[in-house]
């Protein structure tokens, strides 16, 4: 697959006071604490999840 782009996602805001849907989305992305960074393959599913919580995370491409 030539389209295996990686993205680094960092949680920059707390989930305190946020809807349960946002909390579950961050948990599914692999976050357990604030300020963590996770690397994901850029897929439609991941992009959709990031769209839901775009105000809580920072996304940047990974240089390989």
Protein backbone atom coordinates (compact mmCIF):
# COMPACT_ATOMS: atom_id res chain seq x y z
CA UNK A 1 0.00 0.00 0.00
CA UNK A 2 1.49 3.28 -1.09
CA UNK A 3 -0.97 5.31 1.01
CA UNK A 4 0.32 4.33 4.48
CA UNK A 5 0.74 7.87 5.70
CA UNK A 6 1.29 8.21 9.43
CA UNK A 7 0.00 11.05 11.57
CA UNK A 8 0.97 12.00 15.11
CA UNK A 9 -1.98 12.97 17.27
CA UNK A 10 -1.44 14.79 20.57
CA UNK A 11 -4.19 15.41 23.10
CA UNK A 12 -3.93 19.10 24.02
CA UNK A 13 -7.10 19.61 26.05
CA UNK A 14 -8.67 17.76 28.96
CA UNK A 15 -11.83 15.70 28.66
CA UNK A 16 -13.22 17.18 31.88
CA UNK A 17 -16.69 18.52 31.23
CA UNK A 18 -16.83 17.08 27.72
CA UNK A 19 -19.61 14.82 26.42
CA UNK A 20 -19.23 11.07 26.93
CA UNK A 21 -19.01 10.61 23.15
CA UNK A 22 -15.81 12.68 23.05
CA UNK A 23 -14.34 10.75 25.99
CA UNK A 24 -15.03 7.43 24.26
CA UNK A 25 -13.54 8.67 21.00
CA UNK A 26 -10.30 9.73 22.69
CA UNK A 27 -10.14 6.38 24.50
CA UNK A 28 -10.57 4.58 21.16
CA UNK A 29 -7.70 6.64 19.74
CA UNK A 30 -5.52 5.31 22.58
CA UNK A 31 -5.39 8.30 24.91
CA UNK A 32 -5.40 7.72 28.65
CA UNK A 33 -3.92 11.04 29.84
CA UNK A 34 -3.68 14.62 28.67
CA UNK A 35 -0.60 15.63 26.59
CA UNK A 36 -0.03 12.10 25.25
CA UNK A 37 0.96 11.52 21.62
CA UNK A 38 -0.16 8.55 19.54
CA UNK A 39 0.83 7.65 15.99
CA UNK A 40 -1.89 6.34 13.66
CA UNK A 41 -2.14 5.37 10.02
CA UNK A 42 -4.29 7.94 8.25
CA UNK A 43 -7.51 6.14 7.35
CA UNK A 44 -11.08 7.29 6.84
CA UNK A 45 -12.05 5.91 10.25
CA UNK A 46 -9.25 7.72 12.05
CA UNK A 47 -9.99 10.97 10.18
CA UNK A 48 -13.65 10.72 11.20
CA UNK A 49 -12.72 10.20 14.83
CA UNK A 50 -10.34 13.15 14.73
CA UNK A 51 -13.04 15.35 13.20
CA UNK A 52 -15.24 14.70 16.25
CA UNK A 53 -12.55 15.77 18.72
CA UNK A 54 -10.59 18.29 16.63
CA UNK A 55 -10.89 20.88 19.40
CA UNK A 56 -9.15 18.51 21.86
CA UNK A 57 -6.24 17.26 19.74
CA UNK A 58 -3.40 18.49 17.55
CA UNK A 59 -2.57 16.53 14.38
CA UNK A 60 0.68 16.63 12.42
CA UNK A 61 2.28 14.37 9.79
CA UNK A 62 5.07 12.01 10.78
CA UNK A 63 8.31 12.37 8.85
CA UNK A 64 9.71 8.95 8.01
